Amino acid sequence: MHQIHFQGRALTPSKIICVGRNYVAHIHELGNPIPEQMVVFCKPNSAIGAQLKAYRDEPIHYETEMCFLIQAQQLAGIGIGLDLTKRTLQAQLKSKGLPWERAKAFDGAAVFSPFVALPDSLDGLRLCLHIDGRLAQQGELQHMIYSPQTILAAVSSWMHLETGDVLMTGTPSGVGPLQAGSHYTAALYNADHLLIEHSWTAI
């Protein structure tokens, strides 16, 4: 079983719950309609990767996201995650009205920074991703269609959340294909205070 780290402790998520289409700019970026209901899908524990892998046979897109750790069915920690997507396959599945799991839940389809304690207020949370020093993505919690608390309440109404589970809250615009050898540095701020910075090198 794969693990994440929260305040120096290893936890084993039973699942990762992901929200799609939660930033309007990203919805427009991919040419999707704004959904009438929250778009939710899951990744299994086996999707958690220790390395950022750029596959050679098809493009893998990065999607940088604010992620929330669950303890006792409440938001307890925060981290940064990259939701990795086989974009061509996803488009093919969507065009046929089929589920996305083959494009979203493959082995290594999610990598995470360590998680830290949740700040007292979430209002000032903002996220950015630099690739080889170039700003590629940035987004604020206030730009989300559904807040983390709204996501938690909605998902909890029909799915039991275990301690260690992770909520991925969607990505801002600026997604693109991973490039082997490139350096991906994500940072999460609360107002002007740096909460987390984490880097990966794609292999």
N, C-alpha and C. Protein backbone atom coordinates (compact mmCIF):
# COMPACT_ATOMS: atom_id res chain seq x y z
N MET A 1 0.85 -1.20 0.00
CA MET A 1 0.00 0.00 0.00
C MET A 1 0.89 1.25 0.00
N HIS A 2 0.46 2.26 -0.72
CA HIS A 2 1.24 3.49 -0.86
C HIS A 2 0.86 4.49 0.22
N GLN A 3 1.82 5.34 0.60
CA GLN A 3 1.62 6.23 1.73
C GLN A 3 1.85 7.69 1.35
N ILE A 4 1.30 8.56 2.19
CA ILE A 4 1.58 9.99 2.15
C ILE A 4 2.13 10.37 3.52
N HIS A 5 2.62 11.60 3.66
CA HIS A 5 3.24 12.00 4.92
C HIS A 5 2.58 13.28 5.44
N PHE A 6 2.21 13.24 6.72
CA PHE A 6 1.54 14.35 7.39
C PHE A 6 2.25 14.62 8.70
N GLN A 7 2.90 15.78 8.77
CA GLN A 7 3.62 16.19 9.97
C GLN A 7 4.58 15.10 10.46
N GLY A 8 5.30 14.53 9.51
CA GLY A 8 6.32 13.53 9.84
C GLY A 8 5.80 12.12 10.03
N ARG A 9 4.49 11.91 9.92
CA ARG A 9 3.91 10.58 10.08
C ARG A 9 3.46 10.04 8.73
N ALA A 10 3.63 8.75 8.54
CA ALA A 10 3.17 8.11 7.30
C ALA A 10 1.73 7.65 7.47
N LEU A 11 0.89 7.99 6.48
CA LEU A 11 -0.50 7.56 6.47
C LEU A 11 -0.78 6.83 5.15
N THR A 12 -1.72 5.91 5.19
CA THR A 12 -2.07 5.13 4.01
C THR A 12 -3.48 5.47 3.58
N PRO A 13 -3.65 6.29 2.55
CA PRO A 13 -5.00 6.60 2.09
C PRO A 13 -5.69 5.37 1.52
N SER A 14 -6.97 5.22 1.83
CA SER A 14 -7.73 4.15 1.18
C SER A 14 -8.13 4.56 -0.23
N LYS A 15 -8.22 5.88 -0.45
CA LYS A 15 -8.66 6.39 -1.76
C LYS A 15 -8.33 7.88 -1.86
N ILE A 16 -8.36 8.36 -3.09
CA ILE A 16 -8.20 9.78 -3.39
C ILE A 16 -9.47 10.22 -4.10
N ILE A 17 -10.12 11.22 -3.57
CA ILE A 17 -11.36 11.73 -4.17
C ILE A 17 -11.02 13.01 -4.90
N CYS A 18 -11.34 13.06 -6.18
CA CYS A 18 -10.94 14.17 -7.04
C CYS A 18 -12.17 14.92 -7.55
N VAL A 19 -12.04 16.23 -7.59
CA VAL A 19 -13.09 17.07 -8.17
C VAL A 19 -12.58 17.63 -9.48
N GLY A 20 -13.32 17.41 -10.54
CA GLY A 20 -12.96 17.94 -11.85
C GLY A 20 -13.74 19.21 -12.15
N ARG A 21 -13.19 20.02 -13.06
CA ARG A 21 -13.88 21.22 -13.54
C ARG A 21 -14.31 22.13 -12.39
N ASN A 22 -13.34 22.48 -11.53
CA ASN A 22 -13.64 23.32 -10.37
C ASN A 22 -13.12 24.74 -10.52
N TYR A 23 -12.40 25.02 -11.62
CA TYR A 23 -11.95 26.37 -11.93
C TYR A 23 -12.48 26.73 -13.32
N VAL A 24 -13.17 27.85 -13.42
CA VAL A 24 -13.81 28.20 -14.69
C VAL A 24 -12.79 28.35 -15.81
N ALA A 25 -11.63 28.96 -15.52
CA ALA A 25 -10.63 29.17 -16.57
C ALA A 25 -10.12 27.84 -17.13
N HIS A 26 -9.98 26.83 -16.27
CA HIS A 26 -9.54 25.52 -16.74
C HIS A 26 -10.63 24.84 -17.55
N ILE A 27 -11.89 25.02 -17.16
CA ILE A 27 -13.00 24.47 -17.94
C ILE A 27 -12.96 25.02 -19.36
N HIS A 28 -12.78 26.33 -19.48
CA HIS A 28 -12.70 26.96 -20.80
C HIS A 28 -11.46 26.50 -21.56
N GLU A 29 -10.35 26.31 -20.84
CA GLU A 29 -9.10 25.89 -21.45
C GLU A 29 -9.25 24.57 -22.22
N LEU A 30 -10.03 23.65 -21.67
CA LEU A 30 -10.22 22.34 -22.29
C LEU A 30 -11.48 22.27 -23.15
N GLY A 31 -12.18 23.40 -23.26
CA GLY A 31 -13.37 23.42 -24.11
C GLY A 31 -14.55 22.65 -23.56
N ASN A 32 -14.63 22.55 -22.23
CA ASN A 32 -15.72 21.81 -21.60
C ASN A 32 -16.83 22.75 -21.16
N PRO A 33 -18.05 22.26 -21.06
CA PRO A 33 -19.13 23.07 -20.49
C PRO A 33 -19.00 23.14 -18.97
N ILE A 34 -19.50 24.21 -18.37
CA ILE A 34 -19.54 24.29 -16.92
C ILE A 34 -20.59 23.30 -16.42
N PRO A 35 -20.21 22.37 -15.55
CA PRO A 35 -21.15 21.31 -15.15
C PRO A 35 -22.24 21.84 -14.24
N GLU A 36 -23.40 21.23 -14.33
CA GLU A 36 -24.52 21.60 -13.46
C GLU A 36 -24.34 21.02 -12.07
N GLN A 37 -23.60 19.93 -11.94
CA GLN A 37 -23.34 19.30 -10.66
C GLN A 37 -21.83 19.09 -10.50
N MET A 38 -21.41 18.89 -9.26
CA MET A 38 -20.01 18.64 -8.97
C MET A 38 -19.54 17.37 -9.69
N VAL A 39 -18.40 17.46 -10.38
CA VAL A 39 -17.81 16.32 -11.06
C VAL A 39 -16.83 15.64 -10.10
N VAL A 40 -17.10 14.41 -9.74
CA VAL A 40 -16.30 13.68 -8.76
C VAL A 40 -15.85 12.34 -9.35
N PHE A 41 -14.59 12.02 -9.16
CA PHE A 41 -14.09 10.70 -9.53
C PHE A 41 -13.05 10.29 -8.51
N CYS A 42 -12.66 9.04 -8.50
CA CYS A 42 -11.73 8.53 -7.50
C CYS A 42 -10.49 7.92 -8.15
N LYS A 43 -9.40 8.01 -7.42
CA LYS A 43 -8.19 7.26 -7.75
C LYS A 43 -7.93 6.29 -6.59
N PRO A 44 -7.48 5.07 -6.89
CA PRO A 44 -7.20 4.12 -5.82
C PRO A 44 -5.85 4.40 -5.16
N ASN A 45 -5.60 3.74 -4.06
CA ASN A 45 -4.30 3.87 -3.39
C ASN A 45 -3.16 3.55 -4.34
N SER A 46 -3.36 2.60 -5.24
CA SER A 46 -2.29 2.19 -6.16
C SER A 46 -1.90 3.28 -7.14
N ALA A 47 -2.71 4.34 -7.25
CA ALA A 47 -2.37 5.45 -8.16
C ALA A 47 -1.33 6.39 -7.57
N ILE A 48 -1.04 6.27 -6.27
CA ILE A 48 -0.07 7.17 -5.64
C ILE A 48 1.33 6.78 -6.08
N GLY A 49 2.05 7.75 -6.65
CA GLY A 49 3.40 7.49 -7.16
C GLY A 49 4.46 8.16 -6.31
N ALA A 50 5.64 7.56 -6.29
CA ALA A 50 6.78 8.15 -5.60
C ALA A 50 7.60 9.03 -6.53
N GLN A 51 7.44 8.85 -7.85
CA GLN A 51 8.17 9.62 -8.85
C GLN A 51 7.21 10.18 -9.88
N LEU A 52 7.65 11.25 -10.52
CA LEU A 52 6.87 11.89 -11.57
C LEU A 52 7.34 11.32 -12.91
N LYS A 53 6.47 10.53 -13.54
CA LYS A 53 6.88 9.80 -14.74
C LYS A 53 6.23 10.38 -15.99
N ALA A 54 7.05 10.73 -16.96
CA ALA A 54 6.57 11.17 -18.27
C ALA A 54 6.66 9.98 -19.21
N TYR A 55 5.53 9.43 -19.55
CA TYR A 55 5.51 8.24 -20.39
C TYR A 55 5.87 8.60 -21.83
N ARG A 56 6.54 7.70 -22.49
CA ARG A 56 6.99 7.97 -23.86
C ARG A 56 5.93 7.65 -24.91
N ASP A 57 4.97 6.76 -24.57
CA ASP A 57 4.04 6.28 -25.58
C ASP A 57 2.83 7.19 -25.77
N GLU A 58 2.55 8.06 -24.81
CA GLU A 58 1.43 8.99 -24.94
C GLU A 58 1.63 10.15 -23.98
N PRO A 59 1.10 11.33 -24.29
CA PRO A 59 1.30 12.49 -23.42
C PRO A 59 0.57 12.33 -22.09
N ILE A 60 1.28 12.67 -21.02
CA ILE A 60 0.72 12.71 -19.68
C ILE A 60 0.67 14.17 -19.25
N HIS A 61 -0.50 14.68 -18.94
CA HIS A 61 -0.64 16.07 -18.54
C HIS A 61 -0.58 16.20 -17.02
N TYR A 62 0.10 17.25 -16.56
CA TYR A 62 0.11 17.60 -15.14
C TYR A 62 -1.08 18.51 -14.84
N GLU A 63 -1.63 18.38 -13.65
CA GLU A 63 -2.67 19.27 -13.14
C GLU A 63 -2.37 19.51 -11.67
N THR A 64 -1.93 20.71 -11.32
CA THR A 64 -1.53 21.03 -9.96
C THR A 64 -2.75 21.38 -9.11
N GLU A 65 -2.84 20.80 -7.91
CA GLU A 65 -4.06 20.94 -7.13
C GLU A 65 -3.77 21.13 -5.64
N MET A 66 -4.63 21.92 -4.98
CA MET A 66 -4.66 21.95 -3.52
C MET A 66 -5.30 20.65 -3.05
N CYS A 67 -4.67 20.00 -2.08
CA CYS A 67 -5.15 18.71 -1.60
C CYS A 67 -5.36 18.77 -0.09
N PHE A 68 -6.39 18.10 0.36
CA PHE A 68 -6.75 18.15 1.78
C PHE A 68 -6.79 16.74 2.34
N LEU A 69 -6.16 16.60 3.50
CA LEU A 69 -6.10 15.32 4.19
C LEU A 69 -7.27 15.19 5.15
N ILE A 70 -7.86 14.01 5.18
CA ILE A 70 -9.00 13.74 6.04
C ILE A 70 -8.55 13.03 7.31
N GLN A 71 -9.03 13.53 8.46
CA GLN A 71 -8.91 12.81 9.74
C GLN A 71 -10.25 12.92 10.45
N ALA A 72 -10.74 11.78 10.94
CA ALA A 72 -12.04 11.76 11.63
C ALA A 72 -13.12 12.45 10.81
N GLN A 73 -13.08 12.23 9.49
CA GLN A 73 -14.07 12.74 8.53
C GLN A 73 -14.11 14.27 8.47
N GLN A 74 -12.97 14.91 8.84
CA GLN A 74 -12.86 16.36 8.75
C GLN A 74 -11.58 16.73 8.00
N LEU A 75 -11.53 17.96 7.48
CA LEU A 75 -10.31 18.46 6.87
C LEU A 75 -9.28 18.70 7.97
N ALA A 76 -8.10 18.07 7.86
CA ALA A 76 -7.11 18.17 8.92
C ALA A 76 -5.75 18.65 8.43
N GLY A 77 -5.43 18.41 7.17
CA GLY A 77 -4.13 18.79 6.64
C GLY A 77 -4.26 19.27 5.21
N ILE A 78 -3.20 19.90 4.74
CA ILE A 78 -3.19 20.43 3.38
C ILE A 78 -1.85 20.13 2.73
N GLY A 79 -1.90 19.86 1.44
CA GLY A 79 -0.69 19.58 0.67
C GLY A 79 -0.91 19.96 -0.78
N ILE A 80 0.08 19.64 -1.59
CA ILE A 80 0.04 19.90 -3.02
C ILE A 80 0.08 18.56 -3.74
N GLY A 81 -0.72 18.41 -4.75
CA GLY A 81 -0.70 17.20 -5.55
C GLY A 81 -0.68 17.50 -7.03
N LEU A 82 -0.13 16.59 -7.79
CA LEU A 82 -0.22 16.63 -9.24
C LEU A 82 -1.14 15.49 -9.67
N ASP A 83 -2.27 15.85 -10.23
CA ASP A 83 -3.20 14.89 -10.82
C ASP A 83 -2.73 14.68 -12.25
N LEU A 84 -2.29 13.48 -12.55
CA LEU A 84 -1.73 13.17 -13.88
C LEU A 84 -2.80 12.50 -14.75
N THR A 85 -2.85 12.93 -16.00
CA THR A 85 -3.94 12.54 -16.89
C THR A 85 -3.42 12.11 -18.25
N LYS A 86 -3.89 10.97 -18.73
CA LYS A 86 -3.65 10.58 -20.12
C LYS A 86 -4.69 11.31 -20.97
N ARG A 87 -4.31 12.51 -21.45
CA ARG A 87 -5.29 13.43 -22.02
C ARG A 87 -5.94 12.89 -23.29
N THR A 88 -5.15 12.28 -24.18
CA THR A 88 -5.73 11.76 -25.42
C THR A 88 -6.73 10.65 -25.12
N LEU A 89 -6.35 9.75 -24.22
CA LEU A 89 -7.25 8.67 -23.84
C LEU A 89 -8.49 9.22 -23.16
N GLN A 90 -8.33 10.22 -22.30
CA GLN A 90 -9.48 10.81 -21.64
C GLN A 90 -10.47 11.38 -22.66
N ALA A 91 -9.94 12.08 -23.67
CA ALA A 91 -10.81 12.66 -24.70
C ALA A 91 -11.56 11.57 -25.46
N GLN A 92 -10.88 10.46 -25.74
CA GLN A 92 -11.53 9.35 -26.43
C GLN A 92 -12.65 8.75 -25.59
N LEU A 93 -12.38 8.57 -24.31
CA LEU A 93 -13.39 8.00 -23.41
C LEU A 93 -14.59 8.93 -23.27
N LYS A 94 -14.29 10.24 -23.11
CA LYS A 94 -15.38 11.22 -22.96
C LYS A 94 -16.25 11.25 -24.21
N SER A 95 -15.63 11.15 -25.38
CA SER A 95 -16.40 11.23 -26.63
C SER A 95 -17.38 10.06 -26.76
N LYS A 96 -17.09 8.95 -26.08
CA LYS A 96 -17.95 7.77 -26.13
C LYS A 96 -18.84 7.65 -24.90
N GLY A 97 -18.79 8.66 -24.02
CA GLY A 97 -19.60 8.64 -22.81
C GLY A 97 -19.16 7.59 -21.81
N LEU A 98 -17.86 7.23 -21.83
CA LEU A 98 -17.35 6.19 -20.95
C LEU A 98 -16.64 6.80 -19.74
N PRO A 99 -16.48 6.03 -18.66
CA PRO A 99 -15.79 6.54 -17.46
C PRO A 99 -14.33 6.88 -17.77
N TRP A 100 -13.73 7.69 -16.88
CA TRP A 100 -12.37 8.21 -17.10
C TRP A 100 -11.28 7.37 -16.45
N GLU A 101 -11.61 6.31 -15.71
CA GLU A 101 -10.60 5.69 -14.85
C GLU A 101 -9.32 5.29 -15.58
N ARG A 102 -9.42 4.80 -16.80
CA ARG A 102 -8.21 4.38 -17.53
C ARG A 102 -7.28 5.55 -17.78
N ALA A 103 -7.81 6.76 -17.82
CA ALA A 103 -7.00 7.95 -18.08
C ALA A 103 -6.60 8.68 -16.80
N LYS A 104 -7.20 8.32 -15.67
CA LYS A 104 -6.99 9.06 -14.43
C LYS A 104 -6.49 8.22 -13.26
N ALA A 105 -6.70 6.91 -13.29
CA ALA A 105 -6.45 6.08 -12.12
C ALA A 105 -5.33 5.06 -12.34
N PHE A 106 -4.51 5.28 -13.34
CA PHE A 106 -3.41 4.35 -13.62
C PHE A 106 -2.34 4.46 -12.54
N ASP A 107 -1.44 3.48 -12.48
CA ASP A 107 -0.37 3.49 -11.48
C ASP A 107 0.49 4.74 -11.65
N GLY A 108 0.73 5.44 -10.55
CA GLY A 108 1.54 6.66 -10.58
C GLY A 108 0.79 7.90 -11.02
N ALA A 109 -0.54 7.86 -11.04
CA ALA A 109 -1.33 8.97 -11.57
C ALA A 109 -1.55 10.11 -10.57
N ALA A 110 -0.94 10.02 -9.39
CA ALA A 110 -1.01 11.11 -8.42
C ALA A 110 0.27 11.13 -7.60
N VAL A 111 0.90 12.30 -7.52
CA VAL A 111 2.06 12.47 -6.64
C VAL A 111 1.76 13.63 -5.70
N PHE A 112 2.32 13.55 -4.49
CA PHE A 112 1.98 14.52 -3.45
C PHE A 112 3.22 15.04 -2.74
N SER A 113 3.12 16.29 -2.31
CA SER A 113 4.07 16.84 -1.36
C SER A 113 3.74 16.26 0.02
N PRO A 114 4.59 16.49 1.02
CA PRO A 114 4.15 16.24 2.39
C PRO A 114 2.97 17.15 2.73
N PHE A 115 2.16 16.73 3.68
CA PHE A 115 1.02 17.50 4.15
C PHE A 115 1.37 18.20 5.46
N VAL A 116 0.82 19.39 5.65
CA VAL A 116 1.01 20.14 6.89
C VAL A 116 -0.36 20.41 7.51
N ALA A 117 -0.36 20.91 8.76
CA ALA A 117 -1.62 21.18 9.44
C ALA A 117 -2.40 22.26 8.71
N LEU A 118 -3.70 22.15 8.75
CA LEU A 118 -4.58 23.10 8.09
C LEU A 118 -4.48 24.46 8.80
N PRO A 119 -4.33 25.55 8.05
CA PRO A 119 -4.33 26.87 8.70
C PRO A 119 -5.70 27.20 9.27
N ASP A 120 -5.74 28.16 10.20
CA ASP A 120 -7.00 28.53 10.84
C ASP A 120 -8.03 29.05 9.83
N SER A 121 -7.55 29.79 8.83
CA SER A 121 -8.43 30.30 7.78
C SER A 121 -7.92 29.82 6.43
N LEU A 122 -8.84 29.43 5.56
CA LEU A 122 -8.46 28.97 4.22
C LEU A 122 -8.62 30.07 3.17
N ASP A 123 -9.13 31.23 3.56
CA ASP A 123 -9.52 32.25 2.58
C ASP A 123 -8.35 32.73 1.72
N GLY A 124 -7.14 32.74 2.28
CA GLY A 124 -6.00 33.28 1.54
C GLY A 124 -5.18 32.26 0.78
N LEU A 125 -5.67 31.04 0.65
CA LEU A 125 -4.88 29.99 0.00
C LEU A 125 -4.72 30.26 -1.49
N ARG A 126 -3.48 30.13 -1.95
CA ARG A 126 -3.20 30.27 -3.39
C ARG A 126 -2.06 29.32 -3.75
N LEU A 127 -2.09 28.89 -4.99
CA LEU A 127 -1.20 27.83 -5.47
C LEU A 127 -0.50 28.29 -6.73
N CYS A 128 0.76 27.88 -6.92
CA CYS A 128 1.43 28.15 -8.19
C CYS A 128 2.36 27.00 -8.53
N LEU A 129 2.62 26.84 -9.81
CA LEU A 129 3.55 25.83 -10.32
C LEU A 129 4.51 26.49 -11.28
N HIS A 130 5.80 26.27 -11.06
CA HIS A 130 6.84 26.71 -11.99
C HIS A 130 7.47 25.48 -12.64
N ILE A 131 7.69 25.55 -13.94
CA ILE A 131 8.36 24.48 -14.68
C ILE A 131 9.66 25.05 -15.21
N ASP A 132 10.77 24.49 -14.75
CA ASP A 132 12.10 25.00 -15.13
C ASP A 132 12.18 26.51 -14.93
N GLY A 133 11.59 26.97 -13.82
CA GLY A 133 11.64 28.39 -13.48
C GLY A 133 10.57 29.25 -14.11
N ARG A 134 9.75 28.70 -15.00
CA ARG A 134 8.70 29.47 -15.68
C ARG A 134 7.36 29.22 -15.01
N LEU A 135 6.63 30.30 -14.71
CA LEU A 135 5.31 30.15 -14.10
C LEU A 135 4.35 29.51 -15.10
N ALA A 136 3.76 28.38 -14.70
CA ALA A 136 2.85 27.65 -15.59
C ALA A 136 1.41 27.67 -15.10
N GLN A 137 1.21 27.60 -13.78
CA GLN A 137 -0.14 27.58 -13.23
C GLN A 137 -0.20 28.43 -11.97
N GLN A 138 -1.32 29.08 -11.78
CA GLN A 138 -1.59 29.75 -10.51
C GLN A 138 -3.09 29.83 -10.30
N GLY A 139 -3.50 29.71 -9.06
CA GLY A 139 -4.91 29.75 -8.75
C GLY A 139 -5.13 30.01 -7.28
N GLU A 140 -6.28 30.54 -6.95
CA GLU A 140 -6.65 30.85 -5.58
C GLU A 140 -7.88 30.05 -5.18
N LEU A 141 -7.97 29.76 -3.89
CA LEU A 141 -9.14 29.04 -3.40
C LEU A 141 -10.41 29.79 -3.75
N GLN A 142 -10.36 31.11 -3.73
CA GLN A 142 -11.56 31.90 -4.03
C GLN A 142 -12.01 31.75 -5.48
N HIS A 143 -11.16 31.19 -6.35
CA HIS A 143 -11.54 30.98 -7.74
C HIS A 143 -12.26 29.64 -7.95
N MET A 144 -12.32 28.82 -6.91
CA MET A 144 -12.98 27.52 -7.04
C MET A 144 -14.49 27.69 -7.12
N ILE A 145 -15.12 26.85 -7.91
CA ILE A 145 -16.58 26.81 -7.92
C ILE A 145 -17.09 26.21 -6.61
N TYR A 146 -16.43 25.12 -6.17
CA TYR A 146 -16.80 24.44 -4.94
C TYR A 146 -15.65 24.55 -3.95
N SER A 147 -15.92 25.07 -2.76
CA SER A 147 -14.89 25.20 -1.74
C SER A 147 -14.55 23.82 -1.16
N PRO A 148 -13.41 23.69 -0.48
CA PRO A 148 -13.09 22.41 0.15
C PRO A 148 -14.16 21.95 1.13
N GLN A 149 -14.73 22.87 1.90
CA GLN A 149 -15.77 22.48 2.85
C GLN A 149 -17.02 21.98 2.14
N THR A 150 -17.36 22.61 1.00
CA THR A 150 -18.52 22.16 0.22
C THR A 150 -18.26 20.78 -0.37
N ILE A 151 -17.05 20.56 -0.87
CA ILE A 151 -16.68 19.25 -1.41
C ILE A 151 -16.78 18.18 -0.32
N LEU A 152 -16.22 18.48 0.85
CA LEU A 152 -16.27 17.52 1.96
C LEU A 152 -17.70 17.15 2.31
N ALA A 153 -18.56 18.15 2.43
CA ALA A 153 -19.95 17.87 2.80
C ALA A 153 -20.66 17.06 1.73
N ALA A 154 -20.43 17.39 0.46
CA ALA A 154 -21.11 16.68 -0.62
C ALA A 154 -20.65 15.23 -0.70
N VAL A 155 -19.34 15.02 -0.67
CA VAL A 155 -18.82 13.65 -0.79
C VAL A 155 -19.22 12.82 0.43
N SER A 156 -19.16 13.43 1.62
CA SER A 156 -19.49 12.70 2.84
C SER A 156 -20.95 12.26 2.88
N SER A 157 -21.79 12.91 2.08
CA SER A 157 -23.21 12.55 2.08
C SER A 157 -23.47 11.20 1.42
N TRP A 158 -22.49 10.71 0.63
CA TRP A 158 -22.72 9.42 -0.03
C TRP A 158 -21.52 8.48 0.01
N MET A 159 -20.40 8.93 0.61
CA MET A 159 -19.21 8.08 0.69
C MET A 159 -18.55 8.28 2.04
N HIS A 160 -18.23 7.19 2.74
CA HIS A 160 -17.52 7.30 4.01
C HIS A 160 -16.06 7.60 3.74
N LEU A 161 -15.54 8.63 4.40
CA LEU A 161 -14.15 9.04 4.24
C LEU A 161 -13.34 8.52 5.42
N GLU A 162 -12.27 7.80 5.10
CA GLU A 162 -11.39 7.23 6.12
C GLU A 162 -10.28 8.22 6.47
N THR A 163 -9.74 8.10 7.67
CA THR A 163 -8.56 8.89 8.03
C THR A 163 -7.42 8.55 7.08
N GLY A 164 -6.80 9.59 6.52
CA GLY A 164 -5.73 9.41 5.54
C GLY A 164 -6.19 9.61 4.11
N ASP A 165 -7.50 9.59 3.87
CA ASP A 165 -7.98 9.85 2.51
C ASP A 165 -7.65 11.28 2.11
N VAL A 166 -7.57 11.51 0.81
CA VAL A 166 -7.17 12.81 0.28
C VAL A 166 -8.25 13.34 -0.66
N LEU A 167 -8.58 14.62 -0.49
CA LEU A 167 -9.44 15.33 -1.44
C LEU A 167 -8.56 16.18 -2.36
N MET A 168 -8.66 15.96 -3.66
CA MET A 168 -8.00 16.81 -4.65
C MET A 168 -9.07 17.73 -5.23
N THR A 169 -8.83 19.04 -5.17
CA THR A 169 -9.91 20.02 -5.37
C THR A 169 -9.95 20.66 -6.74
N GLY A 170 -9.24 20.10 -7.71
CA GLY A 170 -9.30 20.64 -9.06
C GLY A 170 -8.10 21.52 -9.38
N THR A 171 -7.91 21.78 -10.66
CA THR A 171 -6.72 22.49 -11.12
C THR A 171 -7.08 23.80 -11.81
N PRO A 172 -6.26 24.83 -11.63
CA PRO A 172 -6.44 26.06 -12.42
C PRO A 172 -5.96 25.85 -13.85
N SER A 173 -6.12 26.86 -14.68
CA SER A 173 -5.68 26.77 -16.08
C SER A 173 -4.15 26.69 -16.14
N GLY A 174 -3.65 26.27 -17.30
CA GLY A 174 -2.21 26.16 -17.51
C GLY A 174 -1.68 24.75 -17.54
N VAL A 175 -2.58 23.76 -17.64
CA VAL A 175 -2.13 22.37 -17.68
C VAL A 175 -1.41 22.10 -19.00
N GLY A 176 -0.60 21.04 -19.00
CA GLY A 176 0.15 20.71 -20.21
C GLY A 176 0.89 19.40 -20.04
N PRO A 177 1.58 18.94 -21.09
CA PRO A 177 2.25 17.65 -21.03
C PRO A 177 3.53 17.68 -20.21
N LEU A 178 3.76 16.61 -19.46
CA LEU A 178 5.04 16.44 -18.76
C LEU A 178 6.17 16.29 -19.76
N GLN A 179 7.32 16.84 -19.40
CA GLN A 179 8.51 16.68 -20.20
C GLN A 179 9.59 16.03 -19.36
N ALA A 180 10.10 14.88 -19.79
CA ALA A 180 11.16 14.19 -19.05
C ALA A 180 12.36 15.12 -18.89
N GLY A 181 12.90 15.17 -17.69
CA GLY A 181 14.05 16.01 -17.39
C GLY A 181 13.69 17.39 -16.89
N SER A 182 12.44 17.80 -17.02
CA SER A 182 12.03 19.12 -16.54
C SER A 182 11.76 19.08 -15.03
N HIS A 183 11.94 20.25 -14.42
CA HIS A 183 11.76 20.38 -12.97
C HIS A 183 10.45 21.10 -12.69
N TYR A 184 9.62 20.52 -11.84
CA TYR A 184 8.30 21.04 -11.50
C TYR A 184 8.31 21.43 -10.02
N THR A 185 8.15 22.71 -9.75
CA THR A 185 8.17 23.21 -8.38
C THR A 185 6.83 23.87 -8.08
N ALA A 186 6.12 23.31 -7.10
CA ALA A 186 4.81 23.83 -6.71
C ALA A 186 4.93 24.46 -5.34
N ALA A 187 4.19 25.54 -5.14
CA ALA A 187 4.20 26.24 -3.85
C ALA A 187 2.77 26.58 -3.47
N LEU A 188 2.50 26.48 -2.18
CA LEU A 188 1.19 26.81 -1.63
C LEU A 188 1.36 27.88 -0.57
N TYR A 189 0.62 28.96 -0.72
CA TYR A 189 0.70 30.09 0.20
C TYR A 189 -0.64 30.29 0.88
N ASN A 190 -0.59 30.84 2.09
CA ASN A 190 -1.77 31.36 2.75
C ASN A 190 -1.54 32.85 2.92
N ALA A 191 -2.20 33.65 2.08
CA ALA A 191 -1.86 35.07 1.91
C ALA A 191 -0.40 35.13 1.45
N ASP A 192 0.48 35.79 2.18
CA ASP A 192 1.88 35.89 1.78
C ASP A 192 2.78 34.89 2.50
N HIS A 193 2.19 34.01 3.30
CA HIS A 193 2.96 33.04 4.07
C HIS A 193 3.10 31.73 3.28
N LEU A 194 4.33 31.30 3.06
CA LEU A 194 4.58 30.04 2.36
C LEU A 194 4.30 28.87 3.29
N LEU A 195 3.33 28.03 2.91
CA LEU A 195 3.01 26.84 3.68
C LEU A 195 3.84 25.64 3.25
N ILE A 196 3.95 25.45 1.95
CA ILE A 196 4.61 24.26 1.39
C ILE A 196 5.27 24.64 0.07
N GLU A 197 6.46 24.11 -0.16
CA GLU A 197 7.06 24.13 -1.48
C GLU A 197 7.64 22.75 -1.74
N HIS A 198 7.37 22.22 -2.91
CA HIS A 198 7.83 20.87 -3.21
C HIS A 198 8.19 20.77 -4.69
N SER A 199 9.24 20.01 -4.98
CA SER A 199 9.72 19.89 -6.37
C SER A 199 9.77 18.42 -6.78
N TRP A 200 9.53 18.20 -8.05
CA TRP A 200 9.68 16.90 -8.68
C TRP A 200 10.47 17.09 -9.98
N THR A 201 11.24 16.11 -10.37
CA THR A 201 11.88 16.06 -11.67
C THR A 201 11.26 14.92 -12.46
N ALA A 202 10.71 15.22 -13.61
CA ALA A 202 10.05 14.18 -14.40
C ALA A 202 11.10 13.25 -15.00
N ILE A 203 10.81 11.97 -14.94
CA ILE A 203 11.75 10.98 -15.49
C ILE A 203 11.12 10.27 -16.69
